[in-house]
Amino acid sequence: MLCKQPKTLAHEAQLAQRANEIGLSASVLSASQVASLEPELTLDVCGGVHFHDDGHLNPSLVMQELARDLDVRHETEVKSFERRGDRVVSVNIGNERIEADEFVIATGSWSGDVAKQLGVELPMQAGKGYSMTLQSPPQLPRTSCLLVEARVAMTPMGSTLRFAGTMEIGGVDDTINPKRVQGIQESIPRYLPAFSKTFAGANTQAQPIWTGRRPVSPDGLPYVGRFAHLDNVISASGHAMLGLSLGPATGMLVRNILANKRQPFDIALLKPDRFA
């Protein structure tokens, strides 16, 4: 967590204290201590917080590895479901009918639309975010960082560097808002002066922009659990900006549901029918 303002650092220090109280490891750092952790970076910050338990990954590589053990149908739309009473017996995708004993809705910001086909409400908004990946960054950090006041994440991925940010609520829409992108690009050199030429003039327009939609529930909690009136349908969606972080834990919860195992904690607050 990189902070430009002392008041921001003070606020983050309070969060670090709370993190330590619940068993996480976090240290409040001065500007010189931050620089010692990231010697390859030229930084303009007053300090930061280091969460020692945090990590980062390349989501593309993770998905490639996961796909090795899955039967993946790319660009496939769920057309309808076949039900017998309170059980779903099959899903129709295009011209194909797939039968299964259990069904898990884990379709991100489309989960609400998929659930409607089963006659259940799963309130969901799409929270659009933007990212750009620099193939030849002028400097490369050793670990992922959050530019706190700018709300921009910076993640090294091999020799490339990804910047991402914003939360734009506006439905399922892939349109790129130039002002949102400009806001991200203008904020980066304030923390990282070496990137001033990277996002200046023609260089700014040369950076390819990616946009994706985060599934956001009304109360900010994910939907994890069985639907009350569907015996064999489970929801695993609505994780907003924490999809990768909460993915492994959600997988464990869904596994326990399928195996009729006791959960390590009460998941009643996550039930998918809570707004029905």
C-alpha atoms as a PDB file:
ATOM      1  CA  MET A   1       0.000   0.000   0.000  1.00  0.00           C
ATOM      2  CA  LEU A   2       1.743   3.177  -1.206  1.00  0.00           C
ATOM      3  CA  CYS A   3       0.563   6.497   0.266  1.00  0.00           C
ATOM      4  CA  LYS A   4       1.334  10.038  -0.836  1.00  0.00           C
ATOM      5  CA  GLN A   5      -0.405  11.836   2.038  1.00  0.00           C
ATOM      6  CA  PRO A   6       0.382  11.440   5.775  1.00  0.00           C
ATOM      7  CA  LYS A   7      -3.320  11.358   6.648  1.00  0.00           C
ATOM      8  CA  THR A   8      -3.821   8.456   4.244  1.00  0.00           C
ATOM      9  CA  LEU A   9      -0.875   6.621   5.762  1.00  0.00           C
ATOM     10  CA  ALA A  10      -2.343   7.166   9.244  1.00  0.00           C
ATOM     11  CA  HIS A  11      -5.630   5.641   8.107  1.00  0.00           C
ATOM     12  CA  GLU A  12      -3.871   2.663   6.520  1.00  0.00           C
ATOM     13  CA  ALA A  13      -1.843   2.223   9.708  1.00  0.00           C
ATOM     14  CA  GLN A  14      -5.088   1.750  11.621  1.00  0.00           C
ATOM     15  CA  LEU A  15      -6.145  -0.949   9.157  1.00  0.00           C
ATOM     16  CA  ALA A  16      -2.724  -2.567   9.571  1.00  0.00           C
ATOM     17  CA  GLN A  17      -3.235  -2.658  13.323  1.00  0.00           C
ATOM     18  CA  ARG A  18      -6.614  -4.342  12.898  1.00  0.00           C
ATOM     19  CA  ALA A  19      -5.058  -6.828  10.479  1.00  0.00           C
ATOM     20  CA  ASN A  20      -2.408  -7.751  13.040  1.00  0.00           C
ATOM     21  CA  GLU A  21      -5.095  -8.182  15.691  1.00  0.00           C
ATOM     22  CA  ILE A  22      -6.850 -10.864  13.639  1.00  0.00           C
ATOM     23  CA  GLY A  23      -3.681 -12.781  12.856  1.00  0.00           C
ATOM     24  CA  LEU A  24      -2.395 -11.179   9.672  1.00  0.00           C
ATOM     25  CA  SER A  25       1.080  -9.682   9.439  1.00  0.00           C
ATOM     26  CA  ALA A  26       1.323  -6.015   8.455  1.00  0.00           C
ATOM     27  CA  SER A  27       4.037  -3.368   8.913  1.00  0.00           C
ATOM     28  CA  VAL A  28       3.812   0.405   8.592  1.00  0.00           C
ATOM     29  CA  LEU A  29       6.760   1.714   6.569  1.00  0.00           C
ATOM     30  CA  SER A  30       8.464   5.063   6.129  1.00  0.00           C
ATOM     31  CA  ALA A  31       9.384   6.322   2.670  1.00  0.00           C
ATOM     32  CA  SER A  32      12.940   5.032   3.088  1.00  0.00           C
ATOM     33  CA  GLN A  33      11.697   1.615   4.218  1.00  0.00           C
ATOM     34  CA  VAL A  34       9.429   1.391   1.180  1.00  0.00           C
ATOM     35  CA  ALA A  35      12.381   2.280  -1.032  1.00  0.00           C
ATOM     36  CA  SER A  36      14.470  -0.500   0.512  1.00  0.00           C
ATOM     37  CA  LEU A  37      11.749  -3.034  -0.349  1.00  0.00           C
ATOM     38  CA  GLU A  38      11.484  -1.729  -3.922  1.00  0.00           C
ATOM     39  CA  PRO A  39      15.024  -0.627  -4.846  1.00  0.00           C
ATOM     40  CA  GLU A  40      14.291  -0.732  -8.590  1.00  0.00           C
ATOM     41  CA  LEU A  41      11.521   1.881  -8.301  1.00  0.00           C
ATOM     42  CA  THR A  42      11.778   5.651  -8.159  1.00  0.00           C
ATOM     43  CA  LEU A  43       9.003   6.547  -5.715  1.00  0.00           C
ATOM     44  CA  ASP A  44       7.308   9.749  -4.608  1.00  0.00           C
ATOM     45  CA  VAL A  45       5.446   8.579  -1.497  1.00  0.00           C
ATOM     46  CA  CYS A  46       5.433   9.432   2.204  1.00  0.00           C
ATOM     47  CA  GLY A  47       5.287   5.795   3.272  1.00  0.00           C
ATOM     48  CA  GLY A  48       3.246   2.638   3.003  1.00  0.00           C
ATOM     49  CA  VAL A  49       1.955  -0.533   4.596  1.00  0.00           C
ATOM     50  CA  HIS A  50       3.387  -3.956   3.823  1.00  0.00           C
ATOM     51  CA  PHE A  51       0.964  -6.865   4.176  1.00  0.00           C
ATOM     52  CA  HIS A  52       3.381  -9.759   4.471  1.00  0.00           C
ATOM     53  CA  ASP A  53       0.766 -12.432   3.714  1.00  0.00           C
ATOM     54  CA  ASP A  54      -0.302 -10.875   0.406  1.00  0.00           C
ATOM     55  CA  GLY A  55       0.733 -12.248  -2.957  1.00  0.00           C
ATOM     56  CA  HIS A  56       0.053 -11.822  -6.649  1.00  0.00           C
ATOM     57  CA  LEU A  57      -0.310 -13.971  -9.742  1.00  0.00           C
ATOM     58  CA  ASN A  58      -0.897 -13.885 -13.459  1.00  0.00           C
ATOM     59  CA  PRO A  59      -4.611 -14.719 -13.941  1.00  0.00           C
ATOM     60  CA  SER A  60      -4.091 -15.797 -17.537  1.00  0.00           C
ATOM     61  CA  LEU A  61      -1.558 -18.448 -16.508  1.00  0.00           C
ATOM     62  CA  VAL A  62      -3.798 -19.615 -13.670  1.00  0.00           C
ATOM     63  CA  MET A  63      -6.734 -20.093 -16.026  1.00  0.00           C
ATOM     64  CA  GLN A  64      -4.553 -21.972 -18.507  1.00  0.00           C
ATOM     65  CA  GLU A  65      -3.530 -24.409 -15.776  1.00  0.00           C
ATOM     66  CA  LEU A  66      -7.092 -24.839 -14.486  1.00  0.00           C
ATOM     67  CA  ALA A  67      -8.334 -25.500 -18.011  1.00  0.00           C
ATOM     68  CA  ARG A  68      -6.093 -28.574 -18.241  1.00  0.00           C
ATOM     69  CA  ASP A  69      -8.489 -30.474 -15.961  1.00  0.00           C
ATOM     70  CA  LEU A  70     -11.778 -29.001 -17.215  1.00  0.00           C
ATOM     71  CA  ASP A  71     -14.104 -29.471 -20.160  1.00  0.00           C
ATOM     72  CA  VAL A  72     -14.298 -25.830 -21.226  1.00  0.00           C
ATOM     73  CA  ARG A  73     -16.855 -24.558 -23.753  1.00  0.00           C
ATOM     74  CA  HIS A  74     -15.694 -21.157 -24.978  1.00  0.00           C
ATOM     75  CA  GLU A  75     -18.154 -18.471 -26.117  1.00  0.00           C
ATOM     76  CA  THR A  76     -21.073 -20.683 -25.137  1.00  0.00           C
ATOM     77  CA  GLU A  77     -24.379 -19.189 -24.018  1.00  0.00           C
ATOM     78  CA  VAL A  78     -26.718 -20.836 -21.526  1.00  0.00           C
ATOM     79  CA  LYS A  79     -30.025 -21.000 -23.408  1.00  0.00           C
ATOM     80  CA  SER A  80     -32.298 -22.692 -20.866  1.00  0.00           C
ATOM     81  CA  PHE A  81     -32.589 -25.257 -18.094  1.00  0.00           C
ATOM     82  CA  GLU A  82     -34.802 -28.311 -17.821  1.00  0.00           C
ATOM     83  CA  ARG A  83     -36.438 -28.805 -14.420  1.00  0.00           C
ATOM     84  CA  ARG A  84     -38.360 -31.605 -12.795  1.00  0.00           C
ATOM     85  CA  GLY A  85     -40.003 -30.160  -9.740  1.00  0.00           C
ATOM     86  CA  ASP A  86     -37.327 -28.622  -7.515  1.00  0.00           C
ATOM     87  CA  ARG A  87     -34.472 -30.289  -9.378  1.00  0.00           C
ATOM     88  CA  VAL A  88     -32.619 -29.181 -12.476  1.00  0.00           C
ATOM     89  CA  VAL A  89     -31.823 -32.100 -14.757  1.00  0.00           C
ATOM     90  CA  SER A  90     -30.047 -30.428 -17.654  1.00  0.00           C
ATOM     91  CA  VAL A  91     -28.788 -27.196 -19.172  1.00  0.00           C
ATOM     92  CA  ASN A  92     -29.125 -26.331 -22.850  1.00  0.00           C
ATOM     93  CA  ILE A  93     -26.202 -24.544 -24.500  1.00  0.00           C
ATOM     94  CA  GLY A  94     -26.783 -23.887 -28.146  1.00  0.00           C
ATOM     95  CA  ASN A  95     -27.706 -27.210 -29.739  1.00  0.00           C
ATOM     96  CA  GLU A  96     -26.294 -29.268 -26.869  1.00  0.00           C
ATOM     97  CA  ARG A  97     -28.076 -30.610 -23.801  1.00  0.00           C
ATOM     98  CA  ILE A  98     -25.887 -31.399 -20.780  1.00  0.00           C
ATOM     99  CA  GLU A  99     -27.193 -33.474 -17.874  1.00  0.00           C
ATOM    100  CA  ALA A 100     -25.691 -33.315 -14.391  1.00  0.00           C
ATOM    101  CA  ASP A 101     -26.416 -34.187 -10.781  1.00  0.00           C
ATOM    102  CA  GLU A 102     -25.414 -30.746  -9.480  1.00  0.00           C
ATOM    103  CA  PHE A 103     -25.213 -27.280 -11.066  1.00  0.00           C
ATOM    104  CA  VAL A 104     -23.104 -24.339  -9.894  1.00  0.00           C
ATOM    105  CA  ILE A 105     -23.826 -20.807 -11.071  1.00  0.00           C
ATOM    106  CA  ALA A 106     -20.444 -19.103 -11.191  1.00  0.00           C
ATOM    107  CA  THR A 107     -20.967 -16.859 -14.193  1.00  0.00           C
ATOM    108  CA  GLY A 108     -19.767 -13.549 -12.766  1.00  0.00           C
ATOM    109  CA  SER A 109     -21.756 -10.459 -13.692  1.00  0.00           C
ATOM    110  CA  TRP A 110     -24.049 -12.645 -15.843  1.00  0.00           C
ATOM    111  CA  SER A 111     -25.108 -14.728 -12.824  1.00  0.00           C
ATOM    112  CA  GLY A 112     -28.290 -12.735 -12.268  1.00  0.00           C
ATOM    113  CA  ASP A 113     -29.443 -13.352 -15.836  1.00  0.00           C
ATOM    114  CA  VAL A 114     -28.636 -17.063 -15.595  1.00  0.00           C
ATOM    115  CA  ALA A 115     -30.514 -17.356 -12.289  1.00  0.00           C
ATOM    116  CA  LYS A 116     -33.594 -15.702 -13.818  1.00  0.00           C
ATOM    117  CA  GLN A 117     -33.867 -18.628 -16.225  1.00  0.00           C
ATOM    118  CA  LEU A 118     -34.403 -20.787 -13.148  1.00  0.00           C
ATOM    119  CA  GLY A 119     -37.046 -18.461 -11.759  1.00  0.00           C
ATOM    120  CA  VAL A 120     -34.872 -17.115  -8.921  1.00  0.00           C
ATOM    121  CA  GLU A 121     -33.666 -13.583  -8.200  1.00  0.00           C
ATOM    122  CA  LEU A 122     -29.963 -12.940  -7.775  1.00  0.00           C
ATOM    123  CA  PRO A 123     -29.562  -9.133  -7.732  1.00  0.00           C
ATOM    124  CA  MET A 124     -26.296  -8.269  -9.432  1.00  0.00           C
ATOM    125  CA  GLN A 125     -24.655  -5.214 -10.938  1.00  0.00           C
ATOM    126  CA  ALA A 126     -21.627  -5.183 -13.177  1.00  0.00           C
ATOM    127  CA  GLY A 127     -18.786  -3.069 -11.787  1.00  0.00           C
ATOM    128  CA  LYS A 128     -16.560  -2.236 -14.715  1.00  0.00           C
ATOM    129  CA  GLY A 129     -12.822  -1.920 -14.245  1.00  0.00           C
ATOM    130  CA  TYR A 130     -10.011  -1.049 -16.632  1.00  0.00           C
ATOM    131  CA  SER A 131      -6.457  -2.288 -16.954  1.00  0.00           C
ATOM    132  CA  MET A 132      -3.431  -1.787 -19.165  1.00  0.00           C
ATOM    133  CA  THR A 133      -0.388  -4.044 -19.324  1.00  0.00           C
ATOM    134  CA  LEU A 134       2.956  -2.468 -20.218  1.00  0.00           C
ATOM    135  CA  GLN A 135       5.162  -4.822 -22.206  1.00  0.00           C
ATOM    136  CA  SER A 136       8.332  -2.782 -21.563  1.00  0.00           C
ATOM    137  CA  PRO A 137       7.840  -0.763 -18.367  1.00  0.00           C
ATOM    138  CA  PRO A 138      10.593   1.739 -17.495  1.00  0.00           C
ATOM    139  CA  GLN A 139      10.800   0.166 -14.025  1.00  0.00           C
ATOM    140  CA  LEU A 140       9.477  -3.071 -12.565  1.00  0.00           C
ATOM    141  CA  PRO A 141       8.414  -3.574  -8.936  1.00  0.00           C
ATOM    142  CA  ARG A 142       9.223  -6.743  -7.033  1.00  0.00           C
ATOM    143  CA  THR A 143       5.701  -7.158  -5.691  1.00  0.00           C
ATOM    144  CA  SER A 144       2.178  -5.904  -6.308  1.00  0.00           C
ATOM    145  CA  CYS A 145       1.277  -2.489  -4.908  1.00  0.00           C
ATOM    146  CA  LEU A 146      -1.813  -0.358  -4.442  1.00  0.00           C
ATOM    147  CA  LEU A 147      -1.515   3.376  -5.112  1.00  0.00           C
ATOM    148  CA  VAL A 148      -3.902   4.150  -2.296  1.00  0.00           C
ATOM    149  CA  GLU A 149      -5.259   7.641  -2.973  1.00  0.00           C
ATOM    150  CA  ALA A 150      -5.509   6.911  -6.707  1.00  0.00           C
ATOM    151  CA  ARG A 151      -7.126   3.494  -6.083  1.00  0.00           C
ATOM    152  CA  VAL A 152      -4.912   1.963  -8.750  1.00  0.00           C
ATOM    153  CA  ALA A 153      -3.348  -1.489  -8.470  1.00  0.00           C
ATOM    154  CA  MET A 154       0.078  -2.263  -9.894  1.00  0.00           C
ATOM    155  CA  THR A 155       1.039  -5.899 -10.500  1.00  0.00           C
ATOM    156  CA  PRO A 156       4.254  -7.288 -12.029  1.00  0.00           C
ATOM    157  CA  MET A 157       3.651 -10.245 -14.332  1.00  0.00           C
ATOM    158  CA  GLY A 158       6.983 -11.605 -15.438  1.00  0.00           C
ATOM    159  CA  SER A 159       8.660  -8.837 -17.427  1.00  0.00           C
ATOM    160  CA  THR A 160       5.372  -6.950 -17.919  1.00  0.00           C
ATOM    161  CA  LEU A 161       3.529  -4.621 -15.566  1.00  0.00           C
ATOM    162  CA  ARG A 162      -0.239  -4.271 -15.203  1.00  0.00           C
ATOM    163  CA  PHE A 163      -2.094  -1.233 -13.859  1.00  0.00           C
ATOM    164  CA  ALA A 164      -5.786  -1.563 -13.035  1.00  0.00           C
ATOM    165  CA  GLY A 165      -8.484   0.465 -11.356  1.00  0.00           C
ATOM    166  CA  THR A 166     -11.938   2.095 -11.205  1.00  0.00           C
ATOM    167  CA  MET A 167     -15.355   0.731 -10.298  1.00  0.00           C
ATOM    168  CA  GLU A 168     -17.918   1.920 -12.836  1.00  0.00           C
ATOM    169  CA  ILE A 169     -21.469   0.710 -12.181  1.00  0.00           C
ATOM    170  CA  GLY A 170     -23.355   0.638 -15.451  1.00  0.00           C
ATOM    171  CA  GLY A 171     -24.695  -2.782 -16.368  1.00  0.00           C
ATOM    172  CA  VAL A 172     -23.144  -5.290 -18.746  1.00  0.00           C
ATOM    173  CA  ASP A 173     -21.334  -2.845 -21.022  1.00  0.00           C
ATOM    174  CA  ASP A 174     -17.904  -3.161 -22.662  1.00  0.00           C
ATOM    175  CA  THR A 175     -17.687   0.478 -23.735  1.00  0.00           C
ATOM    176  CA  ILE A 176     -14.407   2.129 -22.736  1.00  0.00           C
ATOM    177  CA  ASN A 177     -14.779   5.484 -20.992  1.00  0.00           C
ATOM    178  CA  PRO A 178     -11.703   7.567 -21.979  1.00  0.00           C
ATOM    179  CA  LYS A 179     -12.000   9.791 -18.894  1.00  0.00           C
ATOM    180  CA  ARG A 180     -11.779   6.779 -16.601  1.00  0.00           C
ATOM    181  CA  VAL A 181      -8.677   5.543 -18.411  1.00  0.00           C
ATOM    182  CA  GLN A 182      -7.148   9.012 -18.354  1.00  0.00           C
ATOM    183  CA  GLY A 183      -7.688   9.209 -14.606  1.00  0.00           C
ATOM    184  CA  ILE A 184      -5.689   6.002 -14.099  1.00  0.00           C
ATOM    185  CA  GLN A 185      -2.892   7.072 -16.425  1.00  0.00           C
ATOM    186  CA  GLU A 186      -2.514  10.550 -14.919  1.00  0.00           C
ATOM    187  CA  SER A 187      -2.328   9.191 -11.373  1.00  0.00           C
ATOM    188  CA  ILE A 188       0.558   6.772 -11.951  1.00  0.00           C
ATOM    189  CA  PRO A 189       3.441   9.285 -12.447  1.00  0.00           C
ATOM    190  CA  ARG A 190       2.442  11.036  -9.211  1.00  0.00           C
ATOM    191  CA  TYR A 191       3.715   7.963  -7.375  1.00  0.00           C
ATOM    192  CA  LEU A 192       6.175   6.735 -10.009  1.00  0.00           C
ATOM    193  CA  PRO A 193       7.914   9.695 -11.717  1.00  0.00           C
ATOM    194  CA  ALA A 194       9.819   7.397 -14.074  1.00  0.00           C
ATOM    195  CA  PHE A 195       6.483   6.626 -15.793  1.00  0.00           C
ATOM    196  CA  SER A 196       5.773  10.258 -16.770  1.00  0.00           C
ATOM    197  CA  LYS A 197       6.781   9.699 -20.406  1.00  0.00           C
ATOM    198  CA  THR A 198       4.961   6.356 -20.568  1.00  0.00           C
ATOM    199  CA  PHE A 199       1.597   8.090 -20.274  1.00  0.00           C
ATOM    200  CA  ALA A 200       2.346  11.292 -22.177  1.00  0.00           C
ATOM    201  CA  GLY A 201       1.112  12.328 -25.609  1.00  0.00           C
ATOM    202  CA  ALA A 202       1.098   9.613 -28.259  1.00  0.00           C
ATOM    203  CA  ASN A 203       2.421   7.073 -25.754  1.00  0.00           C
ATOM    204  CA  THR A 204      -0.830   7.329 -23.809  1.00  0.00           C
ATOM    205  CA  GLN A 205      -2.899   6.344 -26.828  1.00  0.00           C
ATOM    206  CA  ALA A 206      -0.541   3.463 -27.633  1.00  0.00           C
ATOM    207  CA  GLN A 207      -1.348   1.538 -24.441  1.00  0.00           C
ATOM    208  CA  PRO A 208      -3.969  -1.177 -25.170  1.00  0.00           C
ATOM    209  CA  ILE A 209      -6.884  -0.959 -22.733  1.00  0.00           C
ATOM    210  CA  TRP A 210      -8.722  -3.971 -21.338  1.00  0.00           C
ATOM    211  CA  THR A 211     -12.046  -3.790 -19.539  1.00  0.00           C
ATOM    212  CA  GLY A 212     -13.800  -6.368 -17.401  1.00  0.00           C
ATOM    213  CA  ARG A 213     -16.914  -6.557 -15.218  1.00  0.00           C
ATOM    214  CA  ARG A 214     -16.932  -7.452 -11.543  1.00  0.00           C
ATOM    215  CA  PRO A 215     -20.117  -9.060 -10.143  1.00  0.00           C
ATOM    216  CA  VAL A 216     -21.380  -6.779  -7.352  1.00  0.00           C
ATOM    217  CA  SER A 217     -24.207  -7.652  -4.950  1.00  0.00           C
ATOM    218  CA  PRO A 218     -26.305  -4.971  -3.161  1.00  0.00           C
ATOM    219  CA  ASP A 219     -24.654  -5.612   0.225  1.00  0.00           C
ATOM    220  CA  GLY A 220     -21.140  -6.322  -1.056  1.00  0.00           C
ATOM    221  CA  LEU A 221     -21.182  -9.961   0.064  1.00  0.00           C
ATOM    222  CA  PRO A 222     -20.930 -12.843  -2.411  1.00  0.00           C
ATOM    223  CA  TYR A 223     -23.722 -15.335  -3.042  1.00  0.00           C
ATOM    224  CA  VAL A 224     -22.509 -18.740  -1.872  1.00  0.00           C
ATOM    225  CA  GLY A 225     -24.828 -21.638  -1.093  1.00  0.00           C
ATOM    226  CA  ARG A 226     -27.840 -23.595  -2.297  1.00  0.00           C
ATOM    227  CA  PHE A 227     -31.025 -21.908  -3.430  1.00  0.00           C
ATOM    228  CA  ALA A 228     -33.921 -22.566  -1.062  1.00  0.00           C
ATOM    229  CA  HIS A 229     -36.302 -23.901  -3.737  1.00  0.00           C
ATOM    230  CA  LEU A 230     -33.783 -25.684  -5.975  1.00  0.00           C
ATOM    231  CA  ASP A 231     -32.402 -28.922  -4.592  1.00  0.00           C
ATOM    232  CA  ASN A 232     -29.310 -29.205  -6.738  1.00  0.00           C
ATOM    233  CA  VAL A 233     -28.277 -25.658  -7.720  1.00  0.00           C
ATOM    234  CA  ILE A 234     -25.510 -23.758  -5.929  1.00  0.00           C
ATOM    235  CA  SER A 235     -24.477 -20.130  -6.352  1.00  0.00           C
ATOM    236  CA  ALA A 236     -20.806 -19.111  -6.237  1.00  0.00           C
ATOM    237  CA  SER A 237     -20.767 -15.546  -7.475  1.00  0.00           C
ATOM    238  CA  GLY A 238     -20.881 -11.874  -6.507  1.00  0.00           C
ATOM    239  CA  HIS A 239     -17.317 -11.440  -5.206  1.00  0.00           C
ATOM    240  CA  ALA A 240     -16.926  -7.913  -6.636  1.00  0.00           C
ATOM    241  CA  MET A 241     -13.226  -6.907  -6.597  1.00  0.00           C
ATOM    242  CA  LEU A 242     -12.133  -9.945  -4.558  1.00  0.00           C
ATOM    243  CA  GLY A 243     -12.813 -12.770  -6.994  1.00  0.00           C
ATOM    244  CA  LEU A 244      -9.259 -14.126  -7.124  1.00  0.00           C
ATOM    245  CA  SER A 245      -8.733 -13.552  -3.405  1.00  0.00           C
ATOM    246  CA  LEU A 246     -11.928 -15.331  -2.366  1.00  0.00           C
ATOM    247  CA  GLY A 247     -11.953 -17.928  -5.151  1.00  0.00           C
ATOM    248  CA  PRO A 248     -10.083 -20.667  -3.242  1.00  0.00           C
ATOM    249  CA  ALA A 249     -12.224 -20.194  -0.116  1.00  0.00           C
ATOM    250  CA  THR A 250     -15.396 -20.242  -2.220  1.00  0.00           C
ATOM    251  CA  GLY A 251     -14.238 -23.440  -3.905  1.00  0.00           C
ATOM    252  CA  MET A 252     -13.769 -25.015  -0.480  1.00  0.00           C
ATOM    253  CA  LEU A 253     -17.271 -23.942   0.628  1.00  0.00           C
ATOM    254  CA  VAL A 254     -18.864 -25.314  -2.556  1.00  0.00           C
ATOM    255  CA  ARG A 255     -16.939 -28.577  -2.167  1.00  0.00           C
ATOM    256  CA  ASN A 256     -18.241 -28.915   1.390  1.00  0.00           C
ATOM    257  CA  ILE A 257     -21.811 -28.285   0.212  1.00  0.00           C
ATOM    258  CA  LEU A 258     -21.512 -30.941  -2.487  1.00  0.00           C
ATOM    259  CA  ALA A 259     -19.971 -33.439  -0.063  1.00  0.00           C
ATOM    260  CA  ASN A 260     -22.416 -32.604   2.758  1.00  0.00           C
ATOM    261  CA  LYS A 261     -19.513 -31.607   4.975  1.00  0.00           C
ATOM    262  CA  ARG A 262     -19.689 -29.148   7.845  1.00  0.00           C
ATOM    263  CA  GLN A 263     -18.483 -25.657   6.971  1.00  0.00           C
ATOM    264  CA  PRO A 264     -15.625 -24.100   8.976  1.00  0.00           C
ATOM    265  CA  PHE A 265     -17.879 -21.099   9.704  1.00  0.00           C
ATOM    266  CA  ASP A 266     -21.518 -20.058   9.355  1.00  0.00           C
ATOM    267  CA  ILE A 267     -22.274 -19.000   5.758  1.00  0.00           C
ATOM    268  CA  ALA A 268     -25.881 -17.929   6.384  1.00  0.00           C
ATOM    269  CA  LEU A 269     -25.042 -14.305   5.509  1.00  0.00           C
ATOM    270  CA  LEU A 270     -23.991 -15.479   2.038  1.00  0.00           C
ATOM    271  CA  LYS A 271     -27.167 -17.365   1.137  1.00  0.00           C
ATOM    272  CA  PRO A 272     -28.247 -16.569  -2.425  1.00  0.00           C
ATOM    273  CA  ASP A 273     -31.927 -16.123  -1.478  1.00  0.00           C
ATOM    274  CA  ARG A 274     -31.307 -13.304   1.005  1.00  0.00           C
ATOM    275  CA  PHE A 275     -32.961 -10.666  -1.215  1.00  0.00           C
ATOM    276  CA  ALA A 276     -35.820 -12.889  -2.419  1.00  0.00           C
END
